[in-house]
Amino acid sequence: MDIEINDMAVLGVIKDVPSHQLAPEAWTTAENMRFQDGAAQKLLGDAQVFGTPSGAPHFAMPVRTPSGTMWPYVSLTKAFVWDGATHTDITRGGGGGANDYTAANTRDWNGTVFGGIAIFNNGADLPQFWATPVSGTDLANLTNFPSTERVKIMRSLGSYLVGLYVIDSGTHFGHMVHWSHKAAPGTIPSSWDHTNQAVDAGRSELPDVDSGLITDALALRGELMIYKESATWKMRFIGGRFVFGFSSVFDTSGILAPRCAALTADGTKHVVATQDDIISHNGNVATSVLTKRWRKTLFSRIDPVSYVNSFMMPNPIANEMWFCYPENGQSNPSRALIWNYKEGGISEAPITHRNFAIGDVTGVSAVTFDADVGTYDSLGPLDVYDNIQRRKVIILDPTNSRFYQLDSGSSRHGSEFSGVLQRLGLSVIGQKRDGGWIVDLQKKRLVTRIWPKVRGGPVDIRVGFQEVPDGTVTWQASKTFDPATQRFLDFTVSGVLPAVEFSSINVFTVDGYKISVVPLGDH
């Protein structure tokens, strides 16, 4: 009896249902894998870009210019820029002494590109602006910003700069929003004086003090979503005397930590890690991304102290969100939960980076379509038909002072890694005429052959069995399958509930598989 299983990406990994009760298309483990285009694919690696930084990069923000993209970035104390050829120190005043910055952690840095001007902020120093995007221009204290004021978060909304969580003369106002006077494109605001009725600058405090402090903010569809620890607000332009209006969006759902919200590639939704869930919302309606057991599994893994270093990283080209978090006992993010918000699959991967940026990448080589060999049908994930260098994810590794481009090559930080795709408790023994699956938890069965629908590779495949639901798996030795020369693998292994695993250090894609099963009688 042949059982054919396709639609590899439709369900992804499911943790809140016992394996023997899962649909055949679901997986129980997907490590260093992603679910995309109806298939399960091994993650690509990363490649070092931008040469060797002059300082450990903790935060970067690309700036578009008529001649290309500049990449200003900051360490905890200095600022630099990569112009495509050279790293240059652009710390205010040439750096040194009081001109150095005093950020304590990666998560302290944030900013925005305001009318083409990069604004950097860390909550401890005066906000910095880059007046002209050239290597010869240093950052400088933001002109007209109150000298006694600091803000933990700096964002832009239309023609206005917005500071959130105000620290005024050392006094913390954790519920306050302070916005500037409006500014023309290419200029900075002429005033932040909220007491001057002749300008638009103003302040407002969000009154729900029991919802925690303002933790982050991110624009969505022309409005600014303001995230507290357990509530979400909306800031929108209304004009007139009040300039901006504020309204509560979610009274009991906020954000886990700074940087834990990100915008989807189509610009229509935010994906947010809250205190106990991951949600997707359009500014009005929120839906949970995680099932019950996924929530329990994920939040039991996050370190209870270092959770503040977690962050949400979008991967626009792959339609993914990576929630990067420190596991128990770790200080910095060590693992990522990967969600494809177009197809729904969830997988996981270990990580080492602490931050990211998204922008244009130049000078990164790749295999072009014209230079490739073989047939079009045989092209793999590393083969490129049209090498788009826009909206690339750049991951920041301050520990090793490196920039890496995500999804580039087959190694991670120069080291090979394995992708593992596993399904335990495969309880089906056939299909009905209407396509429904026939499930049997008692019958012993013999697996004799597997027809893998695999691209790339070669890949190692092994088969095992559980004698009881959720029991110990007894695995047979793996066999190597090369899709370029083989169509199937023969096995002789028997038990009650089959288990199947695909793994390889090579880049591979699983579109489906067919397994030949012979019923042997009740166990």
Protein backbone atom coordinates (compact mmCIF):
# COMPACT_ATOMS: atom_id res chain seq x y z
CA MET A 1 0.00 0.00 0.00
CA ASP A 2 1.48 3.33 -1.09
CA ILE A 3 0.80 6.47 0.94
CA GLU A 4 1.58 9.72 -0.87
CA ILE A 5 2.03 12.89 1.18
CA ASN A 6 2.29 16.35 -0.40
CA ASP A 7 1.60 19.98 0.64
CA MET A 8 4.65 20.08 2.87
CA ALA A 9 4.20 23.73 3.92
CA VAL A 10 0.49 23.81 4.64
CA LEU A 11 0.77 23.01 8.38
CA GLY A 12 4.43 23.29 9.37
CA VAL A 13 5.43 22.11 12.85
CA ILE A 14 2.52 21.52 15.22
CA LYS A 15 3.18 21.10 18.95
CA ASP A 16 -0.23 21.19 20.61
CA VAL A 17 -1.51 17.91 19.10
CA PRO A 18 0.07 14.49 19.78
CA SER A 19 2.05 13.29 16.77
CA HIS A 20 -0.19 10.27 16.11
CA GLN A 21 -3.20 12.58 15.82
CA LEU A 22 -1.60 14.97 13.32
CA ALA A 23 -2.50 15.16 9.65
CA PRO A 24 0.18 13.44 7.52
CA GLU A 25 1.29 16.81 6.08
CA ALA A 26 2.29 18.14 9.52
CA TRP A 27 5.78 17.88 10.98
CA THR A 28 7.02 17.32 14.52
CA THR A 29 10.47 18.89 14.04
CA ALA A 30 11.83 21.40 11.53
CA GLU A 31 15.30 22.61 12.53
CA ASN A 32 17.10 25.02 10.20
CA MET A 33 14.21 24.65 7.77
CA ARG A 34 11.57 26.98 6.33
CA PHE A 35 8.14 26.37 4.82
CA GLN A 36 7.74 28.19 1.53
CA ASP A 37 6.07 27.72 -1.86
CA GLY A 38 4.29 24.57 -0.71
CA ALA A 39 7.54 22.84 0.26
CA ALA A 40 9.93 22.39 3.18
CA GLN A 41 13.32 23.94 2.42
CA LYS A 42 16.60 23.96 4.29
CA LEU A 43 17.53 27.49 5.29
CA LEU A 44 20.28 29.11 3.32
CA GLY A 45 23.32 30.35 5.19
CA ASP A 46 24.84 33.80 5.49
CA ALA A 47 27.78 35.60 3.90
CA GLN A 48 29.96 38.34 5.35
CA VAL A 49 29.40 41.71 3.70
CA PHE A 50 30.71 45.28 4.09
CA GLY A 51 34.27 44.20 4.79
CA THR A 52 35.56 44.51 8.35
CA PRO A 53 33.69 47.13 10.43
CA SER A 54 35.66 49.75 12.32
CA GLY A 55 33.60 49.05 15.44
CA ALA A 56 31.21 46.43 16.75
CA PRO A 57 27.88 47.04 14.94
CA HIS A 58 24.94 47.17 17.35
CA PHE A 59 22.50 49.14 15.17
CA ALA A 60 22.49 50.10 11.48
CA MET A 61 20.14 52.08 9.28
CA PRO A 62 20.62 52.33 5.49
CA VAL A 63 20.20 55.74 3.86
CA ARG A 64 19.37 56.04 0.17
CA THR A 65 21.22 58.67 -1.84
CA PRO A 66 21.13 59.50 -5.59
CA SER A 67 24.37 57.58 -6.02
CA GLY A 68 23.47 54.52 -3.96
CA THR A 69 22.98 53.36 -0.37
CA MET A 70 25.09 54.45 2.58
CA TRP A 71 25.17 52.29 5.71
CA PRO A 72 25.69 54.33 8.90
CA TYR A 73 25.97 52.17 12.02
CA VAL A 74 26.81 52.54 15.70
CA SER A 75 28.64 50.65 18.39
CA LEU A 76 27.80 51.39 22.01
CA THR A 77 30.13 54.42 21.96
CA LYS A 78 30.95 55.33 18.34
CA ALA A 79 29.33 55.92 14.95
CA PHE A 80 30.63 54.82 11.55
CA VAL A 81 29.52 54.59 7.93
CA TRP A 82 30.17 52.08 5.16
CA ASP A 83 30.08 53.81 1.77
CA GLY A 84 30.55 50.66 -0.31
CA ALA A 85 34.34 50.78 -0.12
CA THR A 86 35.49 52.24 3.21
CA HIS A 87 34.47 52.36 6.85
CA THR A 88 34.70 55.89 8.29
CA ASP A 89 34.27 57.15 11.86
CA ILE A 90 31.42 59.70 11.98
CA THR A 91 31.06 60.03 15.76
CA ARG A 92 29.92 63.52 16.71
CA GLY A 93 32.73 66.03 17.08
CA GLY A 94 35.28 63.48 15.90
CA GLY A 95 34.62 61.29 18.96
CA GLY A 96 36.55 60.96 22.18
CA GLY A 97 35.69 62.08 25.70
CA ALA A 98 32.24 63.64 26.02
CA ASN A 99 31.63 63.18 22.30
CA ASP A 100 31.47 59.41 22.64
CA TYR A 101 28.07 57.79 23.19
CA THR A 102 26.94 56.04 26.35
CA ALA A 103 24.55 53.31 25.20
CA ALA A 104 24.59 50.34 27.56
CA ASN A 105 22.95 47.66 25.40
CA THR A 106 22.15 46.81 21.79
CA ARG A 107 18.44 47.27 22.50
CA ASP A 108 19.00 50.91 23.53
CA TRP A 109 19.65 52.05 19.96
CA ASN A 110 16.78 53.00 17.66
CA GLY A 111 16.04 55.67 15.10
CA THR A 112 14.37 56.67 11.87
CA VAL A 113 15.12 58.14 8.46
CA PHE A 114 13.27 61.47 8.46
CA GLY A 115 12.97 63.12 5.06
CA GLY A 116 16.22 61.46 3.99
CA ILE A 117 18.03 62.41 7.22
CA ALA A 118 19.13 59.59 9.52
CA ILE A 119 18.25 60.10 13.19
CA PHE A 120 19.97 57.89 15.80
CA ASN A 121 18.84 57.67 19.42
CA ASN A 122 19.81 55.66 22.50
CA GLY A 123 17.93 57.26 25.41
CA ALA A 124 21.11 58.28 27.22
CA ASP A 125 22.57 60.84 24.80
CA LEU A 126 20.95 63.62 22.84
CA PRO A 127 19.42 62.29 19.60
CA GLN A 128 21.90 62.39 16.71
CA PHE A 129 21.29 63.41 13.11
CA TRP A 130 23.33 62.94 9.95
CA ALA A 131 22.89 66.22 8.11
CA THR A 132 24.48 65.09 4.85
CA PRO A 133 24.85 61.41 3.89
CA VAL A 134 28.54 61.52 3.01
CA SER A 135 31.54 59.98 4.76
CA GLY A 136 32.99 63.39 5.58
CA THR A 137 29.99 64.45 7.70
CA ASP A 138 29.86 63.47 11.39
CA LEU A 139 26.71 62.88 13.36
CA ALA A 140 25.64 65.82 15.50
CA ASN A 141 23.29 66.57 18.37
CA LEU A 142 19.80 67.07 16.93
CA THR A 143 19.42 70.81 16.39
CA ASN A 144 16.59 72.50 18.34
CA PHE A 145 16.01 69.43 20.54
CA PRO A 146 15.75 70.39 24.26
CA SER A 147 19.20 70.07 25.81
CA THR A 148 17.84 68.71 29.12
CA GLU A 149 15.64 66.10 27.49
CA ARG A 150 16.21 62.52 26.39
CA VAL A 151 13.76 60.07 24.83
CA LYS A 152 14.01 56.29 24.84
CA ILE A 153 12.38 55.94 21.42
CA MET A 154 12.59 58.20 18.38
CA ARG A 155 10.24 57.71 15.42
CA SER A 156 8.78 59.77 12.60
CA LEU A 157 5.16 60.24 11.57
CA GLY A 158 4.59 62.21 8.40
CA SER A 159 6.29 65.61 8.71
CA TYR A 160 6.91 65.22 12.45
CA LEU A 161 9.54 63.62 14.63
CA VAL A 162 8.12 61.83 17.66
CA GLY A 163 9.94 61.07 20.91
CA LEU A 164 8.42 58.53 23.29
CA TYR A 165 9.14 57.82 26.96
CA VAL A 166 10.52 61.23 27.89
CA ILE A 167 13.31 61.81 30.41
CA ASP A 168 13.26 65.51 31.27
CA SER A 169 16.08 66.83 33.50
CA GLY A 170 16.52 63.30 34.85
CA THR A 171 12.84 62.73 35.64
CA HIS A 172 11.24 59.81 33.81
CA PHE A 173 7.87 60.22 32.10
CA GLY A 174 7.25 56.69 30.89
CA HIS A 175 3.78 57.44 29.47
CA MET A 176 4.67 60.63 27.61
CA VAL A 177 4.81 61.34 23.87
CA HIS A 178 6.59 64.50 22.67
CA TRP A 179 6.37 65.56 19.03
CA SER A 180 8.17 68.29 17.11
CA HIS A 181 6.99 71.09 14.89
CA LYS A 182 6.47 69.90 11.32
CA ALA A 183 9.43 70.01 8.94
CA ALA A 184 9.81 70.12 5.18
CA PRO A 185 11.46 67.11 3.46
CA GLY A 186 15.24 67.21 3.82
CA THR A 187 15.14 69.45 6.91
CA ILE A 188 14.92 68.87 10.64
CA PRO A 189 12.24 70.37 12.91
CA SER A 190 12.75 74.01 13.84
CA SER A 191 11.17 73.63 17.28
CA TRP A 192 10.25 71.13 20.01
CA ASP A 193 8.81 73.84 22.28
CA HIS A 194 5.50 72.36 23.44
CA THR A 195 4.70 75.58 25.33
CA ASN A 196 4.82 77.76 22.20
CA GLN A 197 1.32 78.11 20.71
CA ALA A 198 2.80 79.37 17.43
CA VAL A 199 4.25 75.95 16.55
CA ASP A 200 2.79 72.45 16.29
CA ALA A 201 5.12 70.86 18.86
CA GLY A 202 3.30 69.22 21.73
CA ARG A 203 3.21 66.65 24.48
CA SER A 204 0.62 64.12 25.57
CA GLU A 205 0.56 61.44 28.25
CA LEU A 206 -1.18 58.13 27.75
CA PRO A 207 -3.34 57.77 30.87
CA ASP A 208 -3.43 54.00 31.39
CA VAL A 209 -0.58 53.85 33.91
CA ASP A 210 -1.51 50.30 34.94
CA SER A 211 -0.65 49.06 31.45
CA GLY A 212 3.06 49.59 31.98
CA LEU A 213 5.50 51.98 30.35
CA ILE A 214 5.88 52.89 26.70
CA THR A 215 8.27 50.30 25.30
CA ASP A 216 8.34 50.84 21.53
CA ALA A 217 6.46 52.34 18.58
CA LEU A 218 6.17 51.53 14.89
CA ALA A 219 4.32 53.15 11.99
CA LEU A 220 1.45 51.34 10.29
CA ARG A 221 -0.62 52.74 7.42
CA GLY A 222 0.10 56.36 8.23
CA GLU A 223 -0.43 55.98 11.98
CA LEU A 224 1.97 55.30 14.82
CA MET A 225 1.26 52.22 16.91
CA ILE A 226 2.54 52.85 20.44
CA TYR A 227 3.28 49.72 22.44
CA LYS A 228 3.21 49.62 26.21
CA GLU A 229 3.97 46.49 28.21
CA SER A 230 0.32 45.37 28.24
CA ALA A 231 -1.59 47.80 26.01
CA THR A 232 -1.42 49.24 22.51
CA TRP A 233 -2.29 52.79 21.45
CA LYS A 234 -2.70 54.54 18.12
CA MET A 235 -1.34 58.02 17.33
CA ARG A 236 -2.79 59.73 14.24
CA PHE A 237 -2.65 63.18 12.70
CA ILE A 238 -5.88 65.17 13.20
CA GLY A 239 -4.63 68.73 12.63
CA GLY A 240 -5.99 71.80 14.36
CA ARG A 241 -5.10 72.78 17.88
CA PHE A 242 -4.33 69.26 19.13
CA VAL A 243 -2.36 68.17 16.03
CA PHE A 244 -2.42 64.48 17.02
CA GLY A 245 -5.12 62.26 18.44
CA PHE A 246 -4.58 59.19 20.60
CA SER A 247 -6.86 56.17 21.03
CA SER A 248 -6.55 52.79 22.70
CA VAL A 249 -6.39 49.83 20.29
CA PHE A 250 -5.78 46.79 22.52
CA ASP A 251 -6.41 47.27 26.24
CA THR A 252 -4.70 44.06 27.39
CA SER A 253 -2.14 43.31 24.68
CA GLY A 254 1.17 45.16 24.49
CA ILE A 255 4.76 44.16 23.68
CA LEU A 256 7.33 41.91 25.32
CA ALA A 257 10.37 44.18 24.90
CA PRO A 258 11.81 46.90 22.65
CA ARG A 259 12.23 45.82 19.01
CA CYS A 260 9.59 43.08 19.33
CA ALA A 261 7.29 44.46 16.60
CA ALA A 262 7.89 44.39 12.85
CA LEU A 263 6.04 45.30 9.65
CA THR A 264 5.05 42.66 7.09
CA ALA A 265 6.46 43.00 3.57
CA ASP A 266 3.18 44.32 2.15
CA GLY A 267 2.98 47.02 4.84
CA THR A 268 -0.47 45.98 6.04
CA LYS A 269 0.22 44.38 9.42
CA HIS A 270 2.44 44.33 12.46
CA VAL A 271 3.66 41.07 13.96
CA VAL A 272 4.26 41.54 17.68
CA ALA A 273 5.67 39.43 20.48
CA THR A 274 3.49 40.23 23.48
CA GLN A 275 4.00 39.16 27.07
CA ASP A 276 2.51 35.72 26.38
CA ASP A 277 1.85 35.33 22.65
CA ILE A 278 2.84 36.35 19.13
CA ILE A 279 0.08 38.22 17.33
CA SER A 280 -0.54 39.73 13.92
CA HIS A 281 -2.73 42.83 13.65
CA ASN A 282 -3.80 45.47 11.13
CA GLY A 283 -4.24 48.27 13.66
CA ASN A 284 -7.75 47.16 14.57
CA VAL A 285 -8.06 43.38 14.75
CA ALA A 286 -5.46 41.00 16.19
CA THR A 287 -5.05 37.27 15.64
CA SER A 288 -2.74 34.85 17.43
CA VAL A 289 0.09 33.28 15.44
CA LEU A 290 0.77 30.48 17.93
CA THR A 291 -1.25 27.48 19.02
CA LYS A 292 -1.63 26.77 22.73
CA ARG A 293 1.30 24.37 23.03
CA TRP A 294 3.54 26.54 20.85
CA ARG A 295 2.88 29.44 23.23
CA LYS A 296 3.67 27.29 26.24
CA THR A 297 6.81 25.87 24.62
CA LEU A 298 8.14 29.21 23.42
CA PHE A 299 7.58 31.27 26.54
CA SER A 300 8.93 28.54 28.82
CA ARG A 301 12.19 28.70 26.83
CA ILE A 302 12.72 32.47 27.00
CA ASP A 303 15.14 33.57 29.70
CA PRO A 304 13.14 35.40 32.42
CA VAL A 305 15.81 38.12 32.81
CA SER A 306 17.33 38.52 29.34
CA TYR A 307 13.97 38.45 27.50
CA VAL A 308 14.44 42.22 27.06
CA ASN A 309 17.04 41.46 24.38
CA SER A 310 14.52 39.64 22.19
CA PHE A 311 13.56 41.14 18.84
CA MET A 312 11.29 40.55 15.84
CA MET A 313 13.14 40.37 12.51
CA PRO A 314 11.26 40.47 9.18
CA ASN A 315 12.58 38.66 6.13
CA PRO A 316 10.55 40.42 3.39
CA ILE A 317 11.61 38.38 0.38
CA ALA A 318 10.66 35.11 2.12
CA ASN A 319 7.45 36.50 3.73
CA GLU A 320 8.80 35.49 7.13
CA MET A 321 9.01 36.81 10.65
CA TRP A 322 11.85 35.62 12.85
CA PHE A 323 11.24 36.03 16.57
CA CYS A 324 14.76 35.97 18.01
CA TYR A 325 15.07 35.35 21.74
CA PRO A 326 17.57 34.27 24.42
CA GLU A 327 16.94 30.77 25.71
CA ASN A 328 17.08 30.05 29.42
CA GLY A 329 20.55 30.82 30.72
CA GLN A 330 21.51 32.95 27.70
CA SER A 331 22.10 36.71 27.80
CA ASN A 332 21.63 37.38 24.08
CA PRO A 333 19.32 35.88 21.45
CA SER A 334 20.24 32.27 20.72
CA ARG A 335 17.20 30.90 18.91
CA ALA A 336 14.59 32.01 16.39
CA LEU A 337 11.02 30.93 15.80
CA ILE A 338 10.33 31.40 12.07
CA TRP A 339 6.79 32.02 10.85
CA ASN A 340 5.79 32.28 7.20
CA TYR A 341 2.87 34.70 7.37
CA LYS A 342 1.73 33.90 3.82
CA GLU A 343 1.66 30.11 4.14
CA GLY A 344 1.47 29.68 7.91
CA GLY A 345 4.26 27.20 8.61
CA ILE A 346 6.41 27.48 11.75
CA SER A 347 10.00 26.25 12.08
CA GLU A 348 13.07 27.01 14.23
CA ALA A 349 16.78 27.75 13.97
CA PRO A 350 19.70 28.60 16.28
CA ILE A 351 21.07 32.15 15.88
CA THR A 352 23.93 34.29 17.21
CA HIS A 353 23.15 37.80 15.91
CA ARG A 354 21.79 40.59 18.10
CA ASN A 355 20.19 42.95 15.59
CA PHE A 356 19.36 43.42 11.92
CA ALA A 357 18.79 45.98 9.19
CA ILE A 358 17.08 45.80 5.81
CA GLY A 359 18.31 47.57 2.71
CA ASP A 360 20.19 47.46 -0.56
CA VAL A 361 23.34 45.35 -0.80
CA THR A 362 26.05 45.86 -3.38
CA GLY A 363 29.25 44.01 -4.05
CA VAL A 364 27.87 40.61 -3.02
CA SER A 365 28.58 37.95 -5.63
CA ALA A 366 26.09 35.29 -6.62
CA VAL A 367 25.62 32.70 -9.33
CA THR A 368 23.85 34.33 -12.26
CA PHE A 369 21.40 32.57 -14.56
CA ASP A 370 23.68 32.95 -17.58
CA ALA A 371 26.68 31.52 -15.74
CA ASP A 372 24.83 28.52 -14.30
CA VAL A 373 25.01 25.06 -15.84
CA GLY A 374 22.43 22.30 -16.14
CA THR A 375 18.74 22.45 -16.95
CA TYR A 376 16.24 24.99 -15.66
CA ASP A 377 14.28 22.26 -13.83
CA SER A 378 17.42 21.25 -11.93
CA LEU A 379 18.12 24.71 -10.52
CA GLY A 380 18.40 24.75 -6.75
CA PRO A 381 17.92 27.39 -4.03
CA LEU A 382 21.47 28.69 -4.51
CA ASP A 383 20.92 29.33 -8.22
CA VAL A 384 19.78 32.86 -9.06
CA TYR A 385 17.64 33.86 -12.04
CA ASP A 386 17.33 37.52 -11.14
CA ASN A 387 19.66 38.64 -8.36
CA ILE A 388 17.61 41.27 -6.55
CA GLN A 389 19.81 43.15 -4.10
CA ARG A 390 17.04 45.25 -2.56
CA ARG A 391 15.32 44.57 0.76
CA LYS A 392 18.05 42.21 1.87
CA VAL A 393 18.31 41.30 5.54
CA ILE A 394 21.66 42.23 7.07
CA ILE A 395 22.33 40.63 10.43
CA LEU A 396 24.59 42.36 12.94
CA ASP A 397 27.12 40.41 14.98
CA PRO A 398 28.78 42.79 17.45
CA THR A 399 30.52 39.91 19.22
CA ASN A 400 32.68 39.24 16.16
CA SER A 401 32.35 42.76 14.68
CA ARG A 402 30.80 41.55 11.43
CA PHE A 403 27.89 42.17 9.07
CA TYR A 404 26.32 39.17 7.34
CA GLN A 405 23.74 38.91 4.59
CA LEU A 406 20.98 36.46 5.46
CA ASP A 407 20.02 33.75 2.94
CA SER A 408 23.34 33.78 1.13
CA GLY A 409 25.34 30.62 0.51
CA SER A 410 25.08 27.30 2.32
CA SER A 411 27.22 27.92 5.44
CA ARG A 412 26.48 29.97 8.54
CA HIS A 413 29.32 32.24 9.66
CA GLY A 414 31.57 30.05 7.55
CA SER A 415 30.51 26.76 9.17
CA GLU A 416 28.30 24.03 7.72
CA PHE A 417 25.01 23.27 9.46
CA SER A 418 22.34 20.60 9.10
CA GLY A 419 18.70 20.97 8.22
CA VAL A 420 16.46 18.41 9.92
CA LEU A 421 12.86 17.63 8.98
CA GLN A 422 11.15 14.98 11.06
CA ARG A 423 7.72 13.40 11.35
CA LEU A 424 6.91 11.01 14.19
CA GLY A 425 3.75 8.99 14.78
CA LEU A 426 2.61 8.58 11.17
CA SER A 427 -0.64 6.76 11.93
CA VAL A 428 -2.21 6.56 8.45
CA ILE A 429 -2.34 3.25 6.55
CA GLY A 430 -4.20 4.39 3.44
CA GLN A 431 -6.81 6.67 1.90
CA LYS A 432 -10.54 6.41 1.35
CA ARG A 433 -12.10 6.97 -2.04
CA ASP A 434 -13.06 10.48 -1.02
CA GLY A 435 -9.44 11.27 -0.19
CA GLY A 436 -9.81 11.00 3.57
CA TRP A 437 -7.04 9.29 5.49
CA ILE A 438 -7.45 5.87 7.11
CA VAL A 439 -5.89 5.90 10.59
CA ASP A 440 -4.90 2.83 12.62
CA LEU A 441 -3.03 2.93 15.94
CA GLN A 442 -2.96 -0.84 16.51
CA LYS A 443 -1.84 -2.46 13.29
CA LYS A 444 1.79 -3.40 12.91
CA ARG A 445 3.21 -2.45 9.53
CA LEU A 446 6.31 -2.88 7.40
CA VAL A 447 7.93 0.00 5.51
CA THR A 448 9.61 -1.29 2.35
CA ARG A 449 10.28 1.75 0.17
CA ILE A 450 10.25 5.56 0.13
CA TRP A 451 10.00 7.73 -3.00
CA PRO A 452 11.33 11.14 -1.85
CA LYS A 453 10.32 14.20 -3.85
CA VAL A 454 13.54 16.02 -3.10
CA ARG A 455 15.46 18.74 -4.92
CA GLY A 456 19.04 19.64 -4.14
CA GLY A 457 20.84 17.42 -1.69
CA PRO A 458 22.03 14.68 -1.47
CA VAL A 459 19.99 14.12 1.69
CA ASP A 460 20.09 11.48 4.44
CA ILE A 461 16.80 9.68 5.08
CA ARG A 462 16.02 7.34 7.91
CA VAL A 463 12.91 5.45 9.02
CA GLY A 464 11.94 4.43 12.52
CA PHE A 465 8.96 3.20 14.52
CA GLN A 466 7.14 3.82 17.78
CA GLU A 467 5.39 0.84 19.32
CA VAL A 468 2.98 3.06 21.29
CA PRO A 469 1.78 6.64 20.70
CA ASP A 470 4.40 9.16 21.87
CA GLY A 471 6.73 6.29 22.71
CA THR A 472 10.46 5.97 22.11
CA VAL A 473 11.47 5.92 18.45
CA THR A 474 13.67 3.06 17.27
CA TRP A 475 15.53 4.33 14.21
CA GLN A 476 17.11 2.31 11.42
CA ALA A 477 20.43 3.55 10.06
CA SER A 478 20.02 6.42 7.61
CA LYS A 479 20.52 6.04 3.87
CA THR A 480 21.74 8.71 1.46
CA PHE A 481 19.42 9.74 -1.34
CA ASP A 482 20.71 11.64 -4.36
CA PRO A 483 17.84 13.00 -6.47
CA ALA A 484 20.18 13.37 -9.45
CA THR A 485 20.68 9.58 -9.71
CA GLN A 486 18.01 7.88 -7.57
CA ARG A 487 14.21 7.65 -7.52
CA PHE A 488 13.63 5.67 -4.31
CA LEU A 489 15.22 4.03 -1.26
CA ASP A 490 14.42 0.53 -0.02
CA PHE A 491 13.97 -0.20 3.68
CA THR A 492 12.98 -3.19 5.77
CA VAL A 493 11.73 -1.90 9.09
CA SER A 494 8.54 -2.75 10.98
CA GLY A 495 6.54 -1.42 13.89
CA VAL A 496 3.24 0.30 14.71
CA LEU A 497 3.76 4.01 14.06
CA PRO A 498 6.36 4.93 11.39
CA ALA A 499 8.70 7.90 11.75
CA VAL A 500 10.52 9.57 8.85
CA GLU A 501 13.45 12.01 8.91
CA PHE A 502 15.19 14.03 6.18
CA SER A 503 18.51 15.69 7.07
CA SER A 504 21.55 17.12 5.31
CA ILE A 505 24.25 19.77 5.44
CA ASN A 506 23.44 20.35 1.75
CA VAL A 507 20.72 22.71 0.63
CA PHE A 508 17.62 20.65 -0.14
CA THR A 509 13.88 21.00 -0.68
CA VAL A 510 11.22 18.41 0.16
CA ASP A 511 8.10 18.73 -2.01
CA GLY A 512 6.58 15.50 -0.69
CA TYR A 513 7.19 11.78 -0.42
CA LYS A 514 5.51 8.45 -1.01
CA ILE A 515 5.95 5.62 1.44
CA SER A 516 5.20 1.95 0.74
CA VAL A 517 3.58 0.28 3.78
CA VAL A 518 2.59 -3.39 4.18
CA PRO A 519 0.05 -4.14 7.01
CA LEU A 520 1.20 -7.06 9.18
CA GLY A 521 -1.68 -7.44 11.62
CA ASP A 522 -2.65 -6.01 14.99
CA HIS A 523 0.07 -5.33 17.52
